[in-house]
C-alpha atoms as a PDB file:
ATOM      1  CA  UNK A   1      -0.104 -16.581   2.250  1.00  0.00           C
ATOM      2  CA  UNK A   2      -2.530 -14.910  -0.169  1.00  0.00           C
ATOM      3  CA  UNK A   3      -6.018 -16.092  -0.933  1.00  0.00           C
ATOM      4  CA  UNK A   4      -9.001 -15.174  -3.064  1.00  0.00           C
ATOM      5  CA  UNK A   5     -12.520 -16.548  -3.028  1.00  0.00           C
ATOM      6  CA  UNK A   6     -12.023 -18.802  -6.069  1.00  0.00           C
ATOM      7  CA  UNK A   7      -8.632 -20.387  -5.535  1.00  0.00           C
ATOM      8  CA  UNK A   8      -6.615 -22.183  -2.898  1.00  0.00           C
ATOM      9  CA  UNK A   9      -4.225 -20.137  -0.771  1.00  0.00           C
ATOM     10  CA  UNK A  10      -0.934 -19.359  -2.492  1.00  0.00           C
ATOM     11  CA  UNK A  11       2.466 -19.498  -0.834  1.00  0.00           C
ATOM     12  CA  UNK A  12       3.997 -16.040  -1.095  1.00  0.00           C
ATOM     13  CA  UNK A  13       6.862 -16.377   1.364  1.00  0.00           C
ATOM     14  CA  UNK A  14       9.175 -19.267   2.220  1.00  0.00           C
ATOM     15  CA  UNK A  15      11.471 -18.843   5.247  1.00  0.00           C
ATOM     16  CA  UNK A  16      14.545 -21.066   5.233  1.00  0.00           C
ATOM     17  CA  UNK A  17      16.845 -21.638   8.193  1.00  0.00           C
ATOM     18  CA  UNK A  18      20.221 -22.675   6.792  1.00  0.00           C
ATOM     19  CA  UNK A  19      21.560 -23.061  10.349  1.00  0.00           C
ATOM     20  CA  UNK A  20      20.211 -22.430  13.853  1.00  0.00           C
ATOM     21  CA  UNK A  21      23.625 -21.167  14.962  1.00  0.00           C
ATOM     22  CA  UNK A  22      24.122 -17.493  15.745  1.00  0.00           C
ATOM     23  CA  UNK A  23      27.473 -15.870  16.407  1.00  0.00           C
ATOM     24  CA  UNK A  24      25.949 -13.467  18.940  1.00  0.00           C
ATOM     25  CA  UNK A  25      23.745 -13.990  21.984  1.00  0.00           C
ATOM     26  CA  UNK A  26      21.018 -11.339  22.306  1.00  0.00           C
ATOM     27  CA  UNK A  27      19.360 -11.066  25.701  1.00  0.00           C
ATOM     28  CA  UNK A  28      15.846 -11.193  24.238  1.00  0.00           C
ATOM     29  CA  UNK A  29      16.427 -13.969  21.678  1.00  0.00           C
ATOM     30  CA  UNK A  30      13.700 -16.621  21.795  1.00  0.00           C
ATOM     31  CA  UNK A  31      15.488 -19.318  19.746  1.00  0.00           C
ATOM     32  CA  UNK A  32      16.506 -22.241  21.978  1.00  0.00           C
ATOM     33  CA  UNK A  33      19.043 -23.908  19.636  1.00  0.00           C
ATOM     34  CA  UNK A  34      21.158 -20.955  18.592  1.00  0.00           C
ATOM     35  CA  UNK A  35      24.325 -22.689  19.797  1.00  0.00           C
ATOM     36  CA  UNK A  36      23.799 -25.641  17.457  1.00  0.00           C
ATOM     37  CA  UNK A  37      26.133 -25.672  14.458  1.00  0.00           C
ATOM     38  CA  UNK A  38      23.930 -27.944  12.384  1.00  0.00           C
ATOM     39  CA  UNK A  39      23.395 -26.801   8.807  1.00  0.00           C
ATOM     40  CA  UNK A  40      20.973 -27.530   6.040  1.00  0.00           C
ATOM     41  CA  UNK A  41      22.335 -29.924   3.435  1.00  0.00           C
ATOM     42  CA  UNK A  42      22.052 -29.135  -0.239  1.00  0.00           C
ATOM     43  CA  UNK A  43      19.998 -32.329  -0.647  1.00  0.00           C
ATOM     44  CA  UNK A  44      17.444 -31.001   1.859  1.00  0.00           C
ATOM     45  CA  UNK A  45      17.353 -27.617   0.155  1.00  0.00           C
ATOM     46  CA  UNK A  46      16.829 -29.237  -3.245  1.00  0.00           C
ATOM     47  CA  UNK A  47      13.897 -31.286  -1.912  1.00  0.00           C
ATOM     48  CA  UNK A  48      12.299 -28.180  -0.404  1.00  0.00           C
ATOM     49  CA  UNK A  49      12.684 -26.192  -3.609  1.00  0.00           C
ATOM     50  CA  UNK A  50      11.399 -29.044  -5.774  1.00  0.00           C
ATOM     51  CA  UNK A  51       8.285 -29.244  -3.600  1.00  0.00           C
ATOM     52  CA  UNK A  52       7.747 -25.496  -3.726  1.00  0.00           C
ATOM     53  CA  UNK A  53       8.268 -24.944  -7.439  1.00  0.00           C
ATOM     54  CA  UNK A  54       6.264 -28.011  -8.474  1.00  0.00           C
ATOM     55  CA  UNK A  55       3.290 -26.988  -6.332  1.00  0.00           C
ATOM     56  CA  UNK A  56       0.214 -25.486  -7.996  1.00  0.00           C
ATOM     57  CA  UNK A  57      -0.139 -23.307  -4.914  1.00  0.00           C
ATOM     58  CA  UNK A  58       3.063 -21.291  -5.243  1.00  0.00           C
ATOM     59  CA  UNK A  59       2.637 -17.572  -5.842  1.00  0.00           C
ATOM     60  CA  UNK A  60       4.343 -15.571  -8.554  1.00  0.00           C
ATOM     61  CA  UNK A  61       6.276 -13.612  -7.397  1.00  0.00           C
ATOM     62  CA  UNK A  62       7.705 -15.641  -4.517  1.00  0.00           C
ATOM     63  CA  UNK A  63       9.994 -14.442  -1.734  1.00  0.00           C
ATOM     64  CA  UNK A  64      12.588 -16.757  -0.200  1.00  0.00           C
ATOM     65  CA  UNK A  65      13.978 -15.478   3.099  1.00  0.00           C
ATOM     66  CA  UNK A  66      17.144 -16.751   4.747  1.00  0.00           C
ATOM     67  CA  UNK A  67      16.597 -16.284   8.463  1.00  0.00           C
ATOM     68  CA  UNK A  68      17.290 -17.431  12.038  1.00  0.00           C
ATOM     69  CA  UNK A  69      20.153 -18.061  13.589  1.00  0.00           C
ATOM     70  CA  UNK A  70      22.602 -15.967  11.610  1.00  0.00           C
ATOM     71  CA  UNK A  71      22.603 -16.910   7.906  1.00  0.00           C
ATOM     72  CA  UNK A  72      26.001 -15.353   7.255  1.00  0.00           C
ATOM     73  CA  UNK A  73      27.862 -17.742   9.564  1.00  0.00           C
ATOM     74  CA  UNK A  74      27.749 -20.201   6.669  1.00  0.00           C
ATOM     75  CA  UNK A  75      30.406 -19.669   4.001  1.00  0.00           C
ATOM     76  CA  UNK A  76      29.549 -17.978   0.746  1.00  0.00           C
ATOM     77  CA  UNK A  77      30.201 -21.282  -1.019  1.00  0.00           C
ATOM     78  CA  UNK A  78      26.975 -22.590   0.559  1.00  0.00           C
ATOM     79  CA  UNK A  79      24.982 -19.758  -1.008  1.00  0.00           C
ATOM     80  CA  UNK A  80      26.688 -20.024  -4.386  1.00  0.00           C
ATOM     81  CA  UNK A  81      25.458 -23.608  -4.489  1.00  0.00           C
ATOM     82  CA  UNK A  82      22.070 -22.681  -3.024  1.00  0.00           C
ATOM     83  CA  UNK A  83      21.379 -20.055  -5.697  1.00  0.00           C
ATOM     84  CA  UNK A  84      22.354 -22.497  -8.425  1.00  0.00           C
ATOM     85  CA  UNK A  85      19.864 -24.905  -6.861  1.00  0.00           C
ATOM     86  CA  UNK A  86      17.136 -22.242  -6.955  1.00  0.00           C
ATOM     87  CA  UNK A  87      17.786 -21.621 -10.645  1.00  0.00           C
ATOM     88  CA  UNK A  88      17.807 -25.326 -11.509  1.00  0.00           C
ATOM     89  CA  UNK A  89      14.585 -26.185  -9.673  1.00  0.00           C
ATOM     90  CA  UNK A  90      12.618 -23.115 -10.793  1.00  0.00           C
ATOM     91  CA  UNK A  91      11.572 -24.645 -14.106  1.00  0.00           C
ATOM     92  CA  UNK A  92       8.363 -22.607 -14.319  1.00  0.00           C
ATOM     93  CA  UNK A  93      10.289 -19.347 -14.359  1.00  0.00           C
ATOM     94  CA  UNK A  94       8.586 -17.994 -11.246  1.00  0.00           C
ATOM     95  CA  UNK A  95       9.835 -14.557 -10.272  1.00  0.00           C
ATOM     96  CA  UNK A  96      11.870 -15.063  -7.102  1.00  0.00           C
ATOM     97  CA  UNK A  97      13.071 -12.419  -4.681  1.00  0.00           C
ATOM     98  CA  UNK A  98      15.454 -13.437  -1.919  1.00  0.00           C
ATOM     99  CA  UNK A  99      16.147 -11.733   1.385  1.00  0.00           C
ATOM    100  CA  UNK A 100      18.660 -12.218   4.185  1.00  0.00           C
ATOM    101  CA  UNK A 101      17.987 -11.103   7.756  1.00  0.00           C
ATOM    102  CA  UNK A 102      21.338 -10.605   9.470  1.00  0.00           C
ATOM    103  CA  UNK A 103      22.891  -9.090  12.573  1.00  0.00           C
ATOM    104  CA  UNK A 104      25.353  -7.367  10.234  1.00  0.00           C
ATOM    105  CA  UNK A 105      28.535  -8.353  12.060  1.00  0.00           C
ATOM    106  CA  UNK A 106      29.835 -10.717   9.371  1.00  0.00           C
ATOM    107  CA  UNK A 107      29.303  -8.565   6.274  1.00  0.00           C
ATOM    108  CA  UNK A 108      32.367  -8.400   4.024  1.00  0.00           C
ATOM    109  CA  UNK A 109      33.148  -6.986   0.593  1.00  0.00           C
ATOM    110  CA  UNK A 110      32.708 -10.495  -0.815  1.00  0.00           C
ATOM    111  CA  UNK A 111      29.234 -10.614   0.689  1.00  0.00           C
ATOM    112  CA  UNK A 112      28.401  -7.210  -0.795  1.00  0.00           C
ATOM    113  CA  UNK A 113      29.493  -8.385  -4.246  1.00  0.00           C
ATOM    114  CA  UNK A 114      27.301 -11.478  -3.886  1.00  0.00           C
ATOM    115  CA  UNK A 115      24.329  -9.426  -2.665  1.00  0.00           C
ATOM    116  CA  UNK A 116      24.568  -7.061  -5.623  1.00  0.00           C
ATOM    117  CA  UNK A 117      25.053  -9.883  -8.104  1.00  0.00           C
ATOM    118  CA  UNK A 118      21.876 -11.641  -6.980  1.00  0.00           C
ATOM    119  CA  UNK A 119      19.930  -8.476  -6.078  1.00  0.00           C
ATOM    120  CA  UNK A 120      19.275  -9.745  -2.560  1.00  0.00           C
ATOM    121  CA  UNK A 121      17.269  -7.638  -0.124  1.00  0.00           C
ATOM    122  CA  UNK A 122      19.131  -7.254   3.171  1.00  0.00           C
ATOM    123  CA  UNK A 123      17.611  -6.705   6.589  1.00  0.00           C
ATOM    124  CA  UNK A 124      19.926  -5.713   9.444  1.00  0.00           C
ATOM    125  CA  UNK A 125      18.980  -5.959  13.111  1.00  0.00           C
ATOM    126  CA  UNK A 126      20.099  -2.731  14.775  1.00  0.00           C
ATOM    127  CA  UNK A 127      18.658  -1.454  18.058  1.00  0.00           C
ATOM    128  CA  UNK A 128      19.499   2.218  17.655  1.00  0.00           C
ATOM    129  CA  UNK A 129      22.413   4.126  19.219  1.00  0.00           C
ATOM    130  CA  UNK A 130      25.167   2.188  21.000  1.00  0.00           C
ATOM    131  CA  UNK A 131      23.915   2.774  24.541  1.00  0.00           C
ATOM    132  CA  UNK A 132      20.668   0.978  23.597  1.00  0.00           C
ATOM    133  CA  UNK A 133      21.957  -1.570  21.078  1.00  0.00           C
ATOM    134  CA  UNK A 134      24.684  -2.798  23.412  1.00  0.00           C
ATOM    135  CA  UNK A 135      22.268  -3.428  26.279  1.00  0.00           C
ATOM    136  CA  UNK A 136      20.684  -6.390  24.514  1.00  0.00           C
ATOM    137  CA  UNK A 137      22.651  -7.345  21.406  1.00  0.00           C
ATOM    138  CA  UNK A 138      25.759  -8.984  22.846  1.00  0.00           C
ATOM    139  CA  UNK A 139      28.400 -11.325  21.508  1.00  0.00           C
ATOM    140  CA  UNK A 140      29.053 -14.666  23.156  1.00  0.00           C
ATOM    141  CA  UNK A 141      31.558 -13.058  25.519  1.00  0.00           C
ATOM    142  CA  UNK A 142      28.905 -10.625  26.749  1.00  0.00           C
ATOM    143  CA  UNK A 143      30.234  -7.614  24.837  1.00  0.00           C
ATOM    144  CA  UNK A 144      28.157  -5.176  22.818  1.00  0.00           C
ATOM    145  CA  UNK A 145      28.027  -5.667  19.046  1.00  0.00           C
ATOM    146  CA  UNK A 146      27.236  -2.108  17.924  1.00  0.00           C
ATOM    147  CA  UNK A 147      30.631  -1.393  16.355  1.00  0.00           C
ATOM    148  CA  UNK A 148      30.654  -4.628  14.349  1.00  0.00           C
ATOM    149  CA  UNK A 149      27.078  -4.136  13.181  1.00  0.00           C
ATOM    150  CA  UNK A 150      27.681  -0.543  12.077  1.00  0.00           C
ATOM    151  CA  UNK A 151      30.845  -1.597  10.239  1.00  0.00           C
ATOM    152  CA  UNK A 152      28.651  -3.985   8.239  1.00  0.00           C
ATOM    153  CA  UNK A 153      25.982  -1.340   7.652  1.00  0.00           C
ATOM    154  CA  UNK A 154      28.567   1.165   6.384  1.00  0.00           C
ATOM    155  CA  UNK A 155      30.029  -1.434   4.037  1.00  0.00           C
ATOM    156  CA  UNK A 156      26.561  -2.092   2.605  1.00  0.00           C
ATOM    157  CA  UNK A 157      26.011   1.642   2.086  1.00  0.00           C
ATOM    158  CA  UNK A 158      29.410   2.008   0.400  1.00  0.00           C
ATOM    159  CA  UNK A 159      28.280  -0.663  -2.076  1.00  0.00           C
ATOM    160  CA  UNK A 160      24.956   1.106  -2.768  1.00  0.00           C
ATOM    161  CA  UNK A 161      23.012  -1.518  -0.823  1.00  0.00           C
ATOM    162  CA  UNK A 162      20.231   0.055   1.217  1.00  0.00           C
ATOM    163  CA  UNK A 163      19.345  -2.282   4.071  1.00  0.00           C
ATOM    164  CA  UNK A 164      16.045  -2.566   5.827  1.00  0.00           C
ATOM    165  CA  UNK A 165      16.579  -1.905   9.526  1.00  0.00           C
ATOM    166  CA  UNK A 166      14.741  -3.942  12.134  1.00  0.00           C
ATOM    167  CA  UNK A 167      14.836  -2.533  15.647  1.00  0.00           C
ATOM    168  CA  UNK A 168      13.521  -4.322  18.724  1.00  0.00           C
ATOM    169  CA  UNK A 169      11.893  -1.600  20.779  1.00  0.00           C
ATOM    170  CA  UNK A 170      12.625  -2.750  24.313  1.00  0.00           C
ATOM    171  CA  UNK A 171      11.312  -1.342  27.569  1.00  0.00           C
ATOM    172  CA  UNK A 172      14.560   0.630  27.963  1.00  0.00           C
ATOM    173  CA  UNK A 173      14.270   2.117  24.471  1.00  0.00           C
ATOM    174  CA  UNK A 174      10.838   3.586  25.195  1.00  0.00           C
ATOM    175  CA  UNK A 175      12.553   6.288  27.240  1.00  0.00           C
ATOM    176  CA  UNK A 176      14.540   7.580  24.243  1.00  0.00           C
ATOM    177  CA  UNK A 177      12.314   8.007  21.132  1.00  0.00           C
ATOM    178  CA  UNK A 178      13.935  11.314  20.124  1.00  0.00           C
ATOM    179  CA  UNK A 179      17.465   9.913  20.450  1.00  0.00           C
ATOM    180  CA  UNK A 180      16.494   6.843  18.424  1.00  0.00           C
ATOM    181  CA  UNK A 181      15.059   8.931  15.596  1.00  0.00           C
ATOM    182  CA  UNK A 182      18.052  11.272  15.600  1.00  0.00           C
ATOM    183  CA  UNK A 183      20.462   8.340  15.397  1.00  0.00           C
ATOM    184  CA  UNK A 184      18.770   6.695  12.421  1.00  0.00           C
ATOM    185  CA  UNK A 185      18.450  10.053  10.663  1.00  0.00           C
ATOM    186  CA  UNK A 186      22.151  10.805  11.121  1.00  0.00           C
ATOM    187  CA  UNK A 187      23.060   7.361   9.758  1.00  0.00           C
ATOM    188  CA  UNK A 188      20.764   7.756   6.711  1.00  0.00           C
ATOM    189  CA  UNK A 189      18.740   4.725   7.778  1.00  0.00           C
ATOM    190  CA  UNK A 190      15.203   6.116   7.917  1.00  0.00           C
ATOM    191  CA  UNK A 191      13.957   5.032   4.498  1.00  0.00           C
ATOM    192  CA  UNK A 192      13.280   1.419   5.477  1.00  0.00           C
ATOM    193  CA  UNK A 193      13.020   1.223   9.253  1.00  0.00           C
ATOM    194  CA  UNK A 194      10.578  -0.667  11.400  1.00  0.00           C
ATOM    195  CA  UNK A 195      10.516  -0.710  15.185  1.00  0.00           C
ATOM    196  CA  UNK A 196       8.864  -3.744  16.696  1.00  0.00           C
ATOM    197  CA  UNK A 197       8.148  -4.333  20.363  1.00  0.00           C
ATOM    198  CA  UNK A 198       8.807  -7.252  22.637  1.00  0.00           C
ATOM    199  CA  UNK A 199       6.344  -9.137  24.779  1.00  0.00           C
ATOM    200  CA  UNK A 200       5.823  -7.782  28.284  1.00  0.00           C
ATOM    201  CA  UNK A 201       4.084  -9.618  31.129  1.00  0.00           C
ATOM    202  CA  UNK A 202       3.217  -8.718  34.699  1.00  0.00           C
ATOM    203  CA  UNK A 203       2.450 -10.956  37.678  1.00  0.00           C
ATOM    204  CA  UNK A 204       0.031  -8.480  39.245  1.00  0.00           C
ATOM    205  CA  UNK A 205      -3.495 -10.001  39.288  1.00  0.00           C
ATOM    206  CA  UNK A 206      -6.111  -8.005  37.463  1.00  0.00           C
ATOM    207  CA  UNK A 207      -3.692  -5.447  36.032  1.00  0.00           C
ATOM    208  CA  UNK A 208      -4.265  -4.904  32.325  1.00  0.00           C
ATOM    209  CA  UNK A 209      -0.920  -4.357  30.606  1.00  0.00           C
ATOM    210  CA  UNK A 210      -0.124  -4.367  26.886  1.00  0.00           C
ATOM    211  CA  UNK A 211       0.998  -7.859  25.907  1.00  0.00           C
ATOM    212  CA  UNK A 212       2.839  -6.562  22.861  1.00  0.00           C
ATOM    213  CA  UNK A 213       4.545  -3.247  22.256  1.00  0.00           C
ATOM    214  CA  UNK A 214       4.621  -2.103  18.661  1.00  0.00           C
ATOM    215  CA  UNK A 215       4.960  -1.498  15.906  1.00  0.00           C
ATOM    216  CA  UNK A 216       5.488   2.130  16.861  1.00  0.00           C
ATOM    217  CA  UNK A 217       6.939   3.236  13.566  1.00  0.00           C
ATOM    218  CA  UNK A 218       7.338   2.376   9.947  1.00  0.00           C
ATOM    219  CA  UNK A 219       9.438   4.574   7.724  1.00  0.00           C
ATOM    220  CA  UNK A 220       9.840   4.210   3.980  1.00  0.00           C
ATOM    221  CA  UNK A 221      10.768   6.195   0.884  1.00  0.00           C
ATOM    222  CA  UNK A 222       7.503   8.147   1.043  1.00  0.00           C
ATOM    223  CA  UNK A 223       8.502   9.757   4.351  1.00  0.00           C
ATOM    224  CA  UNK A 224      10.568  12.915   4.438  1.00  0.00           C
ATOM    225  CA  UNK A 225      13.867  12.521   6.249  1.00  0.00           C
ATOM    226  CA  UNK A 226      12.950  15.543   8.375  1.00  0.00           C
ATOM    227  CA  UNK A 227       9.600  14.119   9.458  1.00  0.00           C
ATOM    228  CA  UNK A 228       9.366  12.243  12.738  1.00  0.00           C
ATOM    229  CA  UNK A 229       6.927   9.382  12.319  1.00  0.00           C
ATOM    230  CA  UNK A 230       7.400   7.580  15.605  1.00  0.00           C
ATOM    231  CA  UNK A 231       3.998   7.180  17.209  1.00  0.00           C
ATOM    232  CA  UNK A 232       4.845   9.226  20.271  1.00  0.00           C
ATOM    233  CA  UNK A 233       1.309   8.937  21.631  1.00  0.00           C
ATOM    234  CA  UNK A 234       1.626   5.137  21.781  1.00  0.00           C
ATOM    235  CA  UNK A 235       4.988   5.415  23.484  1.00  0.00           C
ATOM    236  CA  UNK A 236       3.648   7.900  26.018  1.00  0.00           C
ATOM    237  CA  UNK A 237       0.662   5.642  26.739  1.00  0.00           C
ATOM    238  CA  UNK A 238       3.041   2.780  27.351  1.00  0.00           C
ATOM    239  CA  UNK A 239       5.166   4.914  29.639  1.00  0.00           C
ATOM    240  CA  UNK A 240       2.006   5.816  31.560  1.00  0.00           C
ATOM    241  CA  UNK A 241       1.293   2.098  31.878  1.00  0.00           C
ATOM    242  CA  UNK A 242       4.765   1.591  33.326  1.00  0.00           C
ATOM    243  CA  UNK A 243       4.031   4.214  35.978  1.00  0.00           C
ATOM    244  CA  UNK A 244       0.697   2.578  36.712  1.00  0.00           C
ATOM    245  CA  UNK A 245       2.201  -0.874  37.042  1.00  0.00           C
ATOM    246  CA  UNK A 246       4.825   0.412  39.478  1.00  0.00           C
ATOM    247  CA  UNK A 247       2.054   1.955  41.557  1.00  0.00           C
ATOM    248  CA  UNK A 248       0.025  -1.253  41.409  1.00  0.00           C
ATOM    249  CA  UNK A 249       3.031  -3.294  42.462  1.00  0.00           C
ATOM    250  CA  UNK A 250       3.658  -0.934  45.369  1.00  0.00           C
ATOM    251  CA  UNK A 251       0.017  -1.329  46.452  1.00  0.00           C
ATOM    252  CA  UNK A 252       0.341  -5.121  46.297  1.00  0.00           C
ATOM    253  CA  UNK A 253       3.569  -5.052  48.289  1.00  0.00           C
ATOM    254  CA  UNK A 254       2.017  -2.738  50.838  1.00  0.00           C
ATOM    255  CA  UNK A 255      -1.016  -4.982  51.268  1.00  0.00           C
ATOM    256  CA  UNK A 256       1.237  -8.009  51.698  1.00  0.00           C
ATOM    257  CA  UNK A 257       3.242  -6.212  54.378  1.00  0.00           C
ATOM    258  CA  UNK A 258       0.051  -5.294  56.265  1.00  0.00           C
ATOM    259  CA  UNK A 259      -1.112  -8.893  56.156  1.00  0.00           C
ATOM    260  CA  UNK A 260       2.261 -10.102  57.340  1.00  0.00           C
ATOM    261  CA  UNK A 261       2.241  -7.537  60.138  1.00  0.00           C
END
């Protein structure tokens, strides 16, 4: 949302969930219905778009994001119809940008042609090198998805589509900042990369621990490919917190053992 002191807030971003279903099963995923194969009907989409484009509170430009579960599990025919619906309901001629956030495993040449035709911005979820990515981003048989995701990324690059990369910076990943940066540099994926953290909690009473890790880095076209922009100081502080929490837990366990004895 954007707002100034003289007008009502304007809607800048609309996030649409065409289906809750996801073809993979990440360990840290927070979505409870990702096994549901329900899908948005075109009638529902048309009603949403009519409400948006007829509103006096819609921003120009407007971003429409396809997100959550995995948008690409729906056939391209759904999106052909959806983009026709966007054109037909946008009677005011509002400038519309669309984005798709994907796990990258279902990208095909047909998808690349569609992306280029509609100038869609693509975000790919990729958790760094395979030994990190495959710890959390698993298929429904419990296997790592790195190879399938990178196949999709390479196909995008071959079609001159530069994806934005979204990495979940897990507790495990904090041990390997140099390896993470080297991987993304080698894959030519440092121009649009953001590393976001996941929520961490601790049961130890009175111990102050960061509730959210990140963002530790944001790379874009203004950053030299040879320049490391990970916030190493933040990562080191978090690692120090991990050491402290282990010590605090040991103290608690020791006190409990003394009481029990």
